[in-house]
Amino acid sequence: MASPPTAPVRLPSTWLPGESLFSLCSRYHRLSGNVLASTTCRELFGHARQGSAHDLPGRIEHFARIAEHALGSATDIIYKHTLLPFYLPFARADLADSSVEAMAGLSVAGLKFKLGLPASRMGANHVLKACVDCMFKDAREWQTCYWHLEHQLPGVWACQRHGTWLVASDLKANGVRRFHWMLPTLAQLRPSRRRKPPGALCLSLGSCAVRLTGLPTGWHFDPTALRATYRSALHARSLTKGCGSLRLHDIGQQYAAHVAALEAVEELAALKYRPRSATTAVARLLYGPRSGIHPLRHLLLITWLFDSFDGFLESYRLTLERQPAEADAKAAATPPADADRTRVEFLRRVSHGQAVSTAARELELDPTTGMAWAASAGIAIPRRPKALQPGERKALIAGLRRGVSKERAAKAAGVSISTVTRVLRTEVGLQQQWHQARMAASGTDARRKWIRCLGVTRGRGVTAARRLQPAAYAWLYRHDHAWLRKHLGPAPAKRSPPSRTDWTARDRHLAAEVRRHARAVVPNNSGAPTRLWQLVQRLPELKRKLRQLHRMPLTQRAVREVTQRRTSLVRGLSVS
């Protein structure tokens, strides 16, 4: 029996101002009357869960087809209604292309790892945020509250329109109702505990995040020009020395004082630096990092060095304009390759039988240089012995072919080192043979020393051997790395590094937070136990510490008291 035809999907016809894709789909879910979130997800994205993410959803090409491209193409939706554009301007072009393809395609698995979010210490889960004033305004104008994309951007914790703190939702980001659709309501948003209004730095950082996301599609900062822009701004602040090096101590002090204003925002704790770590953070942005850096670190440096994001863009544009001019000036200062033309003419004359001295004199060239050119071209020159007799010269050449050093060869032949150098340069093929023999002898000596060193430092690892024979290790690392990898010796027994975490202080703080949030969820006079998922929902820090509760007895006791659960159950619990 044939299945009944599927009813057409009636999506909202237009986007609300600044609306995110997740918000539009949540509006459709409410209007459709679907009971299950998976039903809406299948209708819009062709899958029960893929596409329900509120930050970096997948299967957007399928969504665009369902909407008959009335809401834009897949690329338009990604760049205008998701968080991906925030991460692209500072990323490589190939990473940007693959990220867009992943979100338009069937799966976004591994996308956050490719963007470097889990390793950034900034968190890979984006919290849903809203402005209460905007919610009231939207309810009056559009008869519904919705999620504004600019409020969801990392670093944005104050509304740019109203200058008030945003309030965060406990859902989605912490795993609770992870695949559900929802619109902002006052009941699900955490009231802000901040008493003071947002400071200038918080507003400026949010403004930079919004401007970064609004850059033209395909915009990518050139790493070299970006570092030059930062250096130019540091120079303007007298934070560089006359030779161009950085005044790292002063930079660390000033930058740490600048970011101290972020102490009111717990979610930006990774951006709070002490002077020493602030120096490292700035240096990492100026010396070409090997891996990607979270855009917030760039934006925080920009808020310090420039008056505004537009001022930064203007300085960056001037730097790009200067680079071609500097390259042209450098090329104009390079002398023409007259030496190459002289060499070609000299070799032509000598190959046709002209004497070396005659050709050198006519071309105003040193005869020794001419003989070296002829030897490198494979042209043998007849010689008239001066300091060296034929037999002595033959013995000298034989010793050099064996790799004897210049000093030993000169002493054995009774001549100067400059004479030995001249023989090396003017004898056809001798210099290459000498270098090869020297390289082989150096390798044999380095391997012998390294094997002997491993015997002395047995069981203490490579570091101890390197300290004993640094020159041998350096030679092998550069010239025979494959052999060195096979002869690194046994690895020493691993030792756990001493813990730098003050678990006692962390335990006291978290235990107090558990009891405080438990009273907020269930009043003390009700006598009802608090559910563990309710605690995790209100206190995301607790979720990250569930596996470490055996090191935090006060927190463990607090959780047991408010939930009336056994310690063993708490320790093994995993919240999805």
Protein backbone atom coordinates (compact mmCIF):
# COMPACT_ATOMS: atom_id res chain seq x y z
CA MET A 1 0.00 0.00 0.00
CA ALA A 2 1.46 3.33 -1.00
CA SER A 3 2.23 5.82 1.76
CA PRO A 4 0.21 9.03 1.75
CA PRO A 5 1.89 12.03 0.16
CA THR A 6 3.93 14.21 2.50
CA ALA A 7 2.43 17.62 3.22
CA PRO A 8 4.54 20.53 1.97
CA VAL A 9 6.65 22.32 4.54
CA ARG A 10 5.37 25.85 5.14
CA LEU A 11 8.38 27.74 6.45
CA PRO A 12 8.28 31.39 7.53
CA SER A 13 8.55 33.45 4.37
CA THR A 14 11.22 35.89 5.63
CA TRP A 15 13.95 36.21 8.22
CA LEU A 16 13.38 38.48 11.17
CA PRO A 17 16.09 41.19 11.57
CA GLY A 18 19.38 39.55 12.57
CA GLU A 19 17.74 36.16 13.13
CA SER A 20 19.75 32.94 13.39
CA LEU A 21 18.91 29.74 11.48
CA PHE A 22 18.13 27.94 14.75
CA SER A 23 15.64 30.67 15.66
CA LEU A 24 13.77 30.45 12.35
CA CYS A 25 13.55 26.64 12.66
CA SER A 26 12.30 27.02 16.25
CA ARG A 27 9.60 29.39 15.04
CA TYR A 28 8.57 26.84 12.42
CA HIS A 29 8.49 24.09 15.09
CA ARG A 30 6.08 26.15 17.20
CA LEU A 31 3.86 27.09 14.26
CA SER A 32 3.78 23.55 12.83
CA GLY A 33 2.35 22.03 15.99
CA ASN A 34 4.84 19.15 15.89
CA VAL A 35 5.08 17.37 19.23
CA LEU A 36 8.53 15.84 18.67
CA ALA A 37 11.62 17.86 17.87
CA SER A 38 12.80 15.00 15.64
CA THR A 39 9.72 15.42 13.45
CA THR A 40 10.60 19.04 12.70
CA CYS A 41 14.23 18.13 12.13
CA ARG A 42 13.29 15.45 9.59
CA GLU A 43 10.98 17.84 7.78
CA LEU A 44 13.61 20.59 7.51
CA PHE A 45 16.91 18.68 7.31
CA GLY A 46 16.00 15.13 6.31
CA HIS A 47 17.43 13.69 9.53
CA ALA A 48 16.14 13.24 13.09
CA ARG A 49 19.03 15.17 14.71
CA GLN A 50 21.44 16.59 12.11
CA GLY A 51 20.60 20.25 11.69
CA SER A 52 19.28 20.90 15.21
CA ALA A 53 22.51 22.50 16.46
CA HIS A 54 22.07 26.13 17.43
CA ASP A 55 25.61 27.21 16.47
CA LEU A 56 27.12 25.15 13.60
CA PRO A 57 24.32 23.00 12.13
CA GLY A 58 24.69 20.64 9.20
CA ARG A 59 22.64 19.60 6.15
CA ILE A 60 21.93 23.23 5.24
CA GLU A 61 21.86 22.45 1.51
CA HIS A 62 18.90 20.14 2.22
CA PHE A 63 17.20 22.92 4.21
CA ALA A 64 17.70 25.39 1.33
CA ARG A 65 16.08 22.95 -1.10
CA ILE A 66 13.13 22.41 1.26
CA ALA A 67 12.68 26.19 1.38
CA GLU A 68 12.97 26.29 -2.42
CA HIS A 69 15.82 28.78 -1.93
CA ALA A 70 13.31 31.46 -0.88
CA LEU A 71 15.38 32.04 2.25
CA GLY A 72 18.68 32.10 0.34
CA SER A 73 21.19 29.58 -0.91
CA ALA A 74 23.06 27.27 1.47
CA THR A 75 26.13 29.54 1.35
CA ASP A 76 24.03 32.64 2.07
CA ILE A 77 22.39 30.96 5.05
CA ILE A 78 25.74 29.80 6.46
CA TYR A 79 27.36 33.23 6.14
CA LYS A 80 24.39 35.29 7.33
CA HIS A 81 22.58 33.14 9.88
CA THR A 82 25.13 30.84 11.62
CA LEU A 83 28.23 31.38 13.77
CA LEU A 84 30.73 30.00 11.23
CA PRO A 85 31.69 33.42 9.71
CA PHE A 86 33.06 34.46 13.10
CA TYR A 87 35.83 31.84 12.79
CA LEU A 88 36.74 32.24 9.11
CA PRO A 89 38.58 35.59 8.63
CA PHE A 90 41.59 34.49 10.72
CA ALA A 91 41.54 30.91 9.35
CA ARG A 92 43.18 29.47 6.24
CA ALA A 93 41.20 29.68 3.01
CA ASP A 94 41.17 25.89 2.56
CA LEU A 95 39.81 25.42 6.10
CA ALA A 96 37.06 27.94 5.39
CA ASP A 97 36.03 26.13 2.19
CA SER A 98 35.97 22.71 3.87
CA SER A 99 33.94 24.10 6.81
CA VAL A 100 31.30 25.57 4.51
CA GLU A 101 31.13 22.28 2.59
CA ALA A 102 30.69 20.33 5.85
CA MET A 103 27.80 22.51 7.04
CA ALA A 104 26.12 22.40 3.64
CA GLY A 105 26.67 18.63 3.40
CA LEU A 106 25.42 15.65 5.34
CA SER A 107 27.55 15.81 8.49
CA VAL A 108 29.47 18.34 10.58
CA ALA A 109 31.32 15.65 12.55
CA GLY A 110 34.73 16.92 13.60
CA LEU A 111 34.10 20.49 12.43
CA LYS A 112 34.73 22.04 15.85
CA PHE A 113 37.99 20.10 16.12
CA LYS A 114 39.10 21.40 12.71
CA LEU A 115 38.36 24.95 13.87
CA GLY A 116 40.42 24.28 17.01
CA LEU A 117 37.62 25.07 19.46
CA PRO A 118 38.12 22.26 22.03
CA ALA A 119 41.84 23.09 22.32
CA SER A 120 41.34 26.84 22.50
CA ARG A 121 40.38 26.91 26.23
CA MET A 122 37.46 29.10 25.16
CA GLY A 123 34.99 26.22 25.06
CA ALA A 124 33.38 24.51 22.10
CA ASN A 125 29.79 24.87 23.32
CA HIS A 126 28.16 28.18 22.51
CA VAL A 127 25.65 29.34 25.11
CA LEU A 128 22.28 30.61 23.91
CA LYS A 129 21.96 34.27 24.98
CA ALA A 130 19.28 36.95 24.76
CA CYS A 131 18.68 40.56 25.73
CA VAL A 132 15.58 41.11 27.90
CA ASP A 133 14.97 44.56 26.39
CA CYS A 134 15.20 43.10 22.89
CA MET A 135 12.76 40.35 23.86
CA PHE A 136 10.11 42.88 24.92
CA LYS A 137 10.73 44.93 21.78
CA ASP A 138 10.48 41.85 19.51
CA ALA A 139 7.27 40.73 21.20
CA ARG A 140 5.69 44.12 20.46
CA GLU A 141 6.90 44.38 16.85
CA TRP A 142 6.89 40.73 15.69
CA GLN A 143 4.55 39.06 18.22
CA THR A 144 7.34 36.62 19.11
CA CYS A 145 10.71 36.59 20.80
CA TYR A 146 13.58 35.14 18.78
CA TRP A 147 17.34 34.49 18.93
CA HIS A 148 19.47 37.32 17.52
CA LEU A 149 22.58 36.00 15.78
CA GLU A 150 24.85 38.77 17.07
CA HIS A 151 23.91 37.89 20.67
CA GLN A 152 25.17 34.32 20.12
CA LEU A 153 28.65 35.36 18.96
CA PRO A 154 31.59 34.42 21.21
CA GLY A 155 32.71 37.43 23.21
CA VAL A 156 29.33 39.17 23.01
CA TRP A 157 27.93 39.45 26.55
CA ALA A 158 26.32 42.89 26.30
CA CYS A 159 23.61 44.08 23.92
CA GLN A 160 25.06 46.62 21.50
CA ARG A 161 21.69 48.41 21.19
CA HIS A 162 20.71 48.70 24.85
CA GLY A 163 24.09 48.47 26.61
CA THR A 164 22.77 45.87 29.07
CA TRP A 165 24.05 42.44 30.04
CA LEU A 166 22.75 39.46 28.10
CA VAL A 167 21.14 36.59 29.97
CA ALA A 168 22.04 32.99 29.16
CA SER A 169 19.98 29.85 28.76
CA ASP A 170 20.80 26.67 30.68
CA LEU A 171 19.63 24.53 27.76
CA LYS A 172 21.29 23.13 24.62
CA ALA A 173 24.95 23.95 25.41
CA ASN A 174 25.09 21.76 28.57
CA GLY A 175 23.51 18.72 26.96
CA VAL A 176 20.02 19.26 28.41
CA ARG A 177 17.42 19.26 25.60
CA ARG A 178 20.34 19.12 23.20
CA PHE A 179 18.27 18.32 20.10
CA HIS A 180 15.19 20.41 20.94
CA TRP A 181 13.85 23.56 19.33
CA MET A 182 13.12 26.55 21.54
CA LEU A 183 12.61 30.30 21.52
CA PRO A 184 13.80 32.61 24.32
CA THR A 185 11.53 32.91 27.35
CA LEU A 186 12.20 34.56 30.70
CA ALA A 187 11.56 31.25 32.48
CA GLN A 188 14.46 29.45 30.80
CA LEU A 189 17.01 32.30 31.01
CA ARG A 190 19.34 32.70 33.98
CA PRO A 191 19.00 36.13 35.62
CA SER A 192 22.24 38.07 35.49
CA ARG A 193 24.09 38.33 38.81
CA ARG A 194 26.22 41.24 37.63
CA ARG A 195 25.44 44.43 39.50
CA LYS A 196 27.50 46.90 37.50
CA PRO A 197 26.62 47.74 33.87
CA PRO A 198 28.91 46.39 31.10
CA GLY A 199 32.26 48.16 30.93
CA ALA A 200 33.83 49.78 27.87
CA LEU A 201 36.02 46.75 27.14
CA CYS A 202 33.09 44.32 27.20
CA LEU A 203 31.12 46.52 24.79
CA SER A 204 34.15 47.09 22.56
CA LEU A 205 34.94 43.35 22.40
CA GLY A 206 31.34 42.58 21.44
CA SER A 207 31.37 45.30 18.78
CA CYS A 208 34.56 43.85 17.26
CA ALA A 209 32.98 40.37 17.19
CA VAL A 210 29.95 41.73 15.32
CA ARG A 211 32.16 43.63 12.83
CA LEU A 212 34.35 40.57 12.29
CA THR A 213 31.32 38.44 11.39
CA GLY A 214 30.10 41.13 8.99
CA LEU A 215 33.26 41.16 6.85
CA PRO A 216 32.71 40.35 3.14
CA THR A 217 32.32 36.69 2.21
CA GLY A 218 35.70 35.12 1.53
CA TRP A 219 37.69 37.67 3.55
CA HIS A 220 40.92 36.25 5.00
CA PHE A 221 43.60 38.20 6.83
CA ASP A 222 47.09 37.78 5.42
CA PRO A 223 49.19 36.45 8.36
CA THR A 224 52.30 38.45 7.44
CA ALA A 225 50.41 41.72 7.01
CA LEU A 226 48.42 41.05 10.20
CA ARG A 227 51.59 40.62 12.29
CA ALA A 228 53.08 43.74 10.67
CA THR A 229 49.92 45.67 11.60
CA TYR A 230 50.20 44.60 15.23
CA ARG A 231 53.89 45.50 15.34
CA SER A 232 53.22 48.91 13.84
CA ALA A 233 50.66 49.62 16.57
CA LEU A 234 53.10 48.47 19.27
CA HIS A 235 55.76 50.74 17.80
CA ALA A 236 53.34 53.66 17.95
CA ARG A 237 52.91 52.94 21.67
CA SER A 238 56.74 52.94 22.16
CA LEU A 239 56.65 49.22 23.00
CA THR A 240 59.46 48.31 20.59
CA LYS A 241 63.18 48.99 20.82
CA GLY A 242 65.30 50.79 18.26
CA CYS A 243 66.35 47.48 16.66
CA GLY A 244 62.68 46.49 16.22
CA SER A 245 62.54 43.92 19.04
CA LEU A 246 59.66 44.01 21.50
CA ARG A 247 59.67 45.41 25.02
CA LEU A 248 58.12 42.20 26.33
CA HIS A 249 58.04 43.18 30.00
CA ASP A 250 56.18 46.43 29.33
CA ILE A 251 53.83 44.68 26.89
CA GLY A 252 52.93 42.05 29.49
CA GLN A 253 52.24 44.65 32.18
CA GLN A 254 50.05 46.85 29.99
CA TYR A 255 48.14 44.02 28.31
CA ALA A 256 47.40 42.31 31.63
CA ALA A 257 46.02 45.59 32.97
CA HIS A 258 43.87 45.95 29.85
CA VAL A 259 42.22 42.51 30.10
CA ALA A 260 41.64 42.82 33.85
CA ALA A 261 38.36 44.56 33.03
CA LEU A 262 36.95 41.21 31.84
CA GLU A 263 36.77 39.85 35.38
CA ALA A 264 32.99 40.37 35.41
CA VAL A 265 32.50 37.76 32.65
CA GLU A 266 33.12 34.23 33.90
CA GLU A 267 32.82 32.72 30.43
CA LEU A 268 35.87 34.73 29.28
CA ALA A 269 38.11 33.46 32.08
CA ALA A 270 40.63 32.05 29.57
CA LEU A 271 41.31 35.60 28.36
CA LYS A 272 42.37 36.88 31.78
CA TYR A 273 46.15 37.06 31.96
CA ARG A 274 48.83 37.76 34.47
CA PRO A 275 51.77 39.84 33.16
CA ARG A 276 53.88 36.81 32.28
CA SER A 277 51.11 34.92 30.51
CA ALA A 278 50.02 38.16 28.82
CA THR A 279 53.49 38.47 27.30
CA THR A 280 53.22 34.91 25.96
CA ALA A 281 49.74 35.57 24.54
CA VAL A 282 50.90 38.67 22.62
CA ALA A 283 54.10 37.00 21.41
CA ARG A 284 52.09 34.07 20.05
CA LEU A 285 50.11 36.48 17.87
CA LEU A 286 53.26 38.23 16.63
CA TYR A 287 55.58 35.35 15.81
CA GLY A 288 53.51 33.21 13.46
CA PRO A 289 51.77 30.41 15.46
CA ARG A 290 51.91 26.87 14.12
CA SER A 291 48.25 26.24 14.83
CA GLY A 292 45.05 28.26 14.75
CA ILE A 293 44.25 30.82 17.41
CA HIS A 294 40.75 31.58 18.63
CA PRO A 295 39.50 34.84 17.06
CA LEU A 296 38.69 36.27 20.50
CA ARG A 297 42.41 36.46 21.27
CA HIS A 298 42.93 38.55 18.13
CA LEU A 299 39.95 40.75 18.96
CA LEU A 300 41.12 41.37 22.51
CA LEU A 301 44.53 42.50 21.19
CA ILE A 302 42.75 44.75 18.68
CA THR A 303 40.70 46.41 21.43
CA TRP A 304 43.97 47.22 23.18
CA LEU A 305 46.03 48.49 20.23
CA PHE A 306 43.36 50.30 18.19
CA ASP A 307 40.56 52.75 18.90
CA SER A 308 38.02 50.66 16.98
CA PHE A 309 37.72 47.74 14.61
CA ASP A 310 37.47 50.17 11.69
CA GLY A 311 40.73 51.76 12.82
CA PHE A 312 42.34 48.33 12.81
CA LEU A 313 41.04 47.59 9.30
CA GLU A 314 42.43 50.93 8.04
CA SER A 315 45.85 50.19 9.52
CA TYR A 316 45.76 46.69 8.01
CA ARG A 317 44.85 48.12 4.59
CA LEU A 318 47.79 50.56 4.72
CA THR A 319 50.11 47.69 5.64
CA LEU A 320 48.92 45.70 2.62
CA GLU A 321 49.54 48.71 0.38
CA ARG A 322 53.07 49.19 1.74
CA GLN A 323 54.12 45.58 1.16
CA PRO A 324 54.24 45.71 -2.70
CA ALA A 325 56.00 49.09 -2.58
CA GLU A 326 58.64 47.73 -0.21
CA ALA A 327 59.13 44.69 -2.42
CA ASP A 328 59.58 46.93 -5.49
CA ALA A 329 62.08 49.11 -3.66
CA LYS A 330 64.05 46.06 -2.59
CA ALA A 331 64.10 44.74 -6.15
CA ALA A 332 65.23 48.15 -7.47
CA ALA A 333 68.08 48.19 -4.94
CA THR A 334 69.37 44.79 -6.12
CA PRO A 335 72.31 45.23 -8.50
CA PRO A 336 72.06 43.64 -11.96
CA ALA A 337 73.61 40.23 -12.38
CA ASP A 338 76.75 41.46 -14.22
CA ALA A 339 78.76 38.67 -12.59
CA ASP A 340 76.63 36.05 -14.34
CA ARG A 341 77.25 37.61 -17.76
CA THR A 342 81.00 37.87 -17.04
CA ARG A 343 81.10 34.24 -15.98
CA VAL A 344 79.35 33.07 -19.15
CA GLU A 345 81.74 35.10 -21.32
CA PHE A 346 84.81 33.85 -19.42
CA LEU A 347 83.81 30.19 -19.75
CA ARG A 348 83.09 30.68 -23.46
CA ARG A 349 86.58 32.05 -24.07
CA VAL A 350 88.36 29.41 -21.99
CA SER A 351 86.45 26.56 -23.65
CA HIS A 352 87.61 27.90 -27.04
CA GLY A 353 91.26 27.65 -25.97
CA GLN A 354 92.05 31.11 -24.62
CA ALA A 355 94.42 31.12 -21.64
CA VAL A 356 92.88 31.70 -18.24
CA SER A 357 95.19 34.61 -17.46
CA THR A 358 94.45 36.28 -20.80
CA ALA A 359 90.66 35.90 -20.49
CA ALA A 360 90.76 37.10 -16.89
CA ARG A 361 92.84 40.14 -17.75
CA GLU A 362 90.61 41.17 -20.67
CA LEU A 363 87.47 40.80 -18.56
CA GLU A 364 89.10 42.50 -15.54
CA LEU A 365 88.69 39.36 -13.48
CA ASP A 366 90.90 37.78 -10.81
CA PRO A 367 92.64 34.71 -12.32
CA THR A 368 91.93 32.58 -9.23
CA THR A 369 88.21 33.31 -9.53
CA GLY A 370 88.38 32.37 -13.21
CA MET A 371 90.07 29.08 -12.40
CA ALA A 372 87.39 28.31 -9.80
CA TRP A 373 84.66 29.02 -12.39
CA ALA A 374 86.38 26.72 -14.87
CA ALA A 375 86.70 23.92 -12.29
CA SER A 376 83.01 24.17 -11.33
CA ALA A 377 82.13 23.92 -15.06
CA GLY A 378 84.31 20.80 -15.46
CA ILE A 379 87.03 22.49 -17.55
CA ALA A 380 90.53 21.23 -16.65
CA ILE A 381 93.20 23.96 -16.77
CA PRO A 382 96.90 23.13 -17.43
CA ARG A 383 99.02 24.31 -14.51
CA ARG A 384 102.53 25.62 -14.00
CA PRO A 385 103.73 24.60 -10.52
CA LYS A 386 104.67 27.44 -8.17
CA ALA A 387 104.50 26.60 -4.45
CA LEU A 388 103.54 22.95 -5.04
CA GLN A 389 105.51 20.47 -7.09
CA PRO A 390 103.53 17.83 -9.03
CA GLY A 391 104.18 15.11 -6.47
CA GLU A 392 103.28 17.34 -3.55
CA ARG A 393 100.12 18.50 -5.28
CA LYS A 394 99.10 14.90 -5.98
CA ALA A 395 99.56 13.93 -2.32
CA LEU A 396 97.60 16.97 -1.20
CA ILE A 397 94.70 16.13 -3.53
CA ALA A 398 94.68 12.51 -2.32
CA GLY A 399 94.45 13.64 1.30
CA LEU A 400 91.64 16.05 0.53
CA ARG A 401 89.71 13.31 -1.26
CA ARG A 402 89.87 11.28 1.97
CA GLY A 403 88.30 14.20 3.86
CA VAL A 404 91.40 15.49 5.67
CA SER A 405 90.78 18.91 7.19
CA LYS A 406 92.32 21.98 5.56
CA GLU A 407 94.55 22.58 8.54
CA ARG A 408 96.02 19.05 8.52
CA ALA A 409 96.39 19.06 4.74
CA ALA A 410 98.20 22.42 4.78
CA LYS A 411 100.53 21.28 7.57
CA ALA A 412 101.36 18.01 5.77
CA ALA A 413 102.08 19.78 2.45
CA GLY A 414 103.93 22.70 4.06
CA VAL A 415 101.70 25.32 2.47
CA SER A 416 99.17 27.87 3.70
CA ILE A 417 95.46 27.18 4.22
CA SER A 418 94.64 29.65 1.43
CA THR A 419 96.70 27.50 -0.95
CA VAL A 420 94.69 24.43 0.08
CA THR A 421 91.46 26.39 -0.49
CA ARG A 422 92.67 27.40 -3.95
CA VAL A 423 93.43 23.78 -4.82
CA LEU A 424 89.95 22.75 -3.66
CA ARG A 425 88.30 25.42 -5.80
CA THR A 426 90.41 24.91 -8.95
CA GLU A 427 90.66 21.10 -9.17
CA VAL A 428 87.71 19.66 -11.11
CA GLY A 429 85.33 17.76 -8.79
CA LEU A 430 87.67 17.92 -5.78
CA GLN A 431 85.58 20.24 -3.61
CA GLN A 432 82.48 18.05 -3.89
CA GLN A 433 84.49 14.91 -3.10
CA TRP A 434 86.06 16.61 -0.08
CA HIS A 435 82.68 17.72 1.29
CA GLN A 436 81.23 14.22 0.85
CA ALA A 437 84.19 12.64 2.65
CA ARG A 438 83.96 15.17 5.46
CA MET A 439 80.22 14.53 5.81
CA ALA A 440 80.76 10.77 6.00
CA ALA A 441 83.49 11.18 8.61
CA SER A 442 81.35 13.54 10.67
CA GLY A 443 78.46 11.05 10.54
CA THR A 444 80.63 8.17 11.66
CA ASP A 445 82.00 10.23 14.53
CA ALA A 446 78.53 11.45 15.59
CA ARG A 447 77.05 7.94 15.56
CA ARG A 448 79.96 6.55 17.58
CA LYS A 449 79.63 9.30 20.19
CA TRP A 450 75.84 8.90 20.40
CA ILE A 451 75.99 5.13 20.91
CA ARG A 452 78.62 5.59 23.62
CA CYS A 453 76.49 8.32 25.22
CA LEU A 454 73.40 6.07 25.34
CA GLY A 455 75.46 3.50 27.21
CA VAL A 456 76.45 6.06 29.82
CA THR A 457 72.92 7.49 30.28
CA ARG A 458 71.04 4.20 30.03
CA GLY A 459 67.51 4.47 31.41
CA ARG A 460 67.55 8.27 31.78
CA GLY A 461 66.05 9.10 28.39
CA VAL A 462 66.97 11.21 25.38
CA THR A 463 67.15 14.49 27.29
CA ALA A 464 70.01 13.26 29.48
CA ALA A 465 71.89 11.98 26.43
CA ARG A 466 71.40 15.26 24.59
CA ARG A 467 72.90 17.19 27.47
CA LEU A 468 75.96 14.96 27.40
CA GLN A 469 76.49 15.08 23.62
CA PRO A 470 74.58 18.08 22.19
CA ALA A 471 76.76 18.39 19.06
CA ALA A 472 76.38 14.73 18.08
CA TYR A 473 72.61 14.88 18.59
CA ALA A 474 72.32 18.09 16.55
CA TRP A 475 74.31 16.62 13.65
CA LEU A 476 72.24 13.43 13.58
CA TYR A 477 68.96 15.33 13.91
CA ARG A 478 69.81 17.49 10.90
CA HIS A 479 71.56 15.02 8.62
CA ASP A 480 70.52 11.47 9.60
CA HIS A 481 67.21 11.74 11.40
CA ALA A 482 66.08 8.25 10.36
CA TRP A 483 69.09 6.63 12.05
CA LEU A 484 68.62 8.77 15.15
CA ARG A 485 64.98 7.74 15.52
CA LYS A 486 66.08 4.08 15.57
CA HIS A 487 68.72 4.76 18.23
CA LEU A 488 66.96 6.94 20.80
CA GLY A 489 67.35 4.38 23.54
CA PRO A 490 64.69 3.18 25.98
CA ALA A 491 62.28 5.80 27.24
CA PRO A 492 62.50 6.59 30.97
CA ALA A 493 59.67 5.66 33.26
CA LYS A 494 56.96 8.29 33.10
CA ARG A 495 56.33 10.35 36.15
CA SER A 496 53.14 12.20 36.80
CA PRO A 497 53.84 15.93 36.93
CA PRO A 498 53.07 17.58 40.23
CA SER A 499 49.58 18.98 40.36
CA ARG A 500 49.41 22.75 40.11
CA THR A 501 45.70 22.87 40.90
CA ASP A 502 44.67 23.99 44.36
CA TRP A 503 42.04 21.29 44.78
CA THR A 504 41.26 22.39 48.34
CA ALA A 505 40.27 25.91 47.30
CA ARG A 506 38.41 24.59 44.25
CA ASP A 507 36.60 22.07 46.44
CA ARG A 508 35.41 24.72 48.90
CA HIS A 509 34.25 27.02 46.12
CA LEU A 510 32.38 24.34 44.17
CA ALA A 511 30.72 22.92 47.31
CA ALA A 512 29.37 26.37 48.15
CA GLU A 513 28.14 26.82 44.56
CA VAL A 514 26.37 23.42 44.66
CA ARG A 515 24.45 24.34 47.82
CA ARG A 516 23.61 27.82 46.53
CA HIS A 517 22.23 26.55 43.21
CA ALA A 518 20.40 23.71 44.97
CA ARG A 519 18.53 26.29 47.11
CA ALA A 520 17.63 28.19 43.94
CA VAL A 521 16.21 25.06 42.30
CA VAL A 522 14.37 23.63 45.32
CA PRO A 523 13.76 25.83 48.42
CA ASN A 524 14.98 24.37 51.73
CA ASN A 525 11.50 24.38 53.27
CA SER A 526 10.09 22.10 50.56
CA GLY A 527 12.11 19.11 51.71
CA ALA A 528 12.32 17.74 48.15
CA PRO A 529 15.69 16.52 46.80
CA THR A 530 17.39 18.34 43.96
CA ARG A 531 17.94 16.37 40.77
CA LEU A 532 21.55 16.08 39.63
CA TRP A 533 20.65 17.14 36.09
CA GLN A 534 19.12 20.31 37.53
CA LEU A 535 22.42 21.11 39.27
CA VAL A 536 24.42 20.45 36.13
CA GLN A 537 22.03 22.57 34.12
CA ARG A 538 22.51 25.57 36.40
CA LEU A 539 26.18 24.93 37.21
CA PRO A 540 28.09 23.85 34.06
CA GLU A 541 31.34 23.73 36.03
CA LEU A 542 30.01 20.77 38.01
CA LYS A 543 29.60 18.67 34.87
CA ARG A 544 33.31 19.03 34.08
CA LYS A 545 34.24 17.96 37.63
CA LEU A 546 32.00 14.88 37.98
CA ARG A 547 34.90 12.55 37.18
CA GLN A 548 37.10 14.32 39.76
CA LEU A 549 34.74 14.23 42.71
CA HIS A 550 36.95 11.67 44.47
CA ARG A 551 39.50 14.53 44.81
CA MET A 552 36.87 16.97 46.11
CA PRO A 553 35.29 15.52 49.29
CA LEU A 554 33.42 18.71 50.25
CA THR A 555 31.75 18.93 46.85
CA GLN A 556 31.03 15.21 46.93
CA ARG A 557 29.33 15.59 50.31
CA ALA A 558 27.36 18.63 49.12
CA VAL A 559 26.08 16.79 46.05
CA ARG A 560 25.10 13.78 48.16
CA GLU A 561 23.24 15.97 50.64
CA VAL A 562 21.20 17.92 48.10
CA THR A 563 20.44 14.95 45.85
CA GLN A 564 20.26 12.19 48.52
CA ARG A 565 22.33 9.91 46.30
CA ARG A 566 25.14 7.51 47.11
CA THR A 567 28.69 8.71 46.49
CA SER A 568 29.43 5.78 44.20
CA LEU A 569 26.51 6.69 41.98
CA VAL A 570 27.58 10.32 41.77
CA ARG A 571 31.15 9.37 40.90
CA GLY A 572 30.19 7.16 38.00
CA LEU A 573 27.40 9.31 36.61
CA SER A 574 27.74 10.72 33.07
CA VAL A 575 25.46 13.48 31.92
CA SER A 576 24.69 13.48 28.22
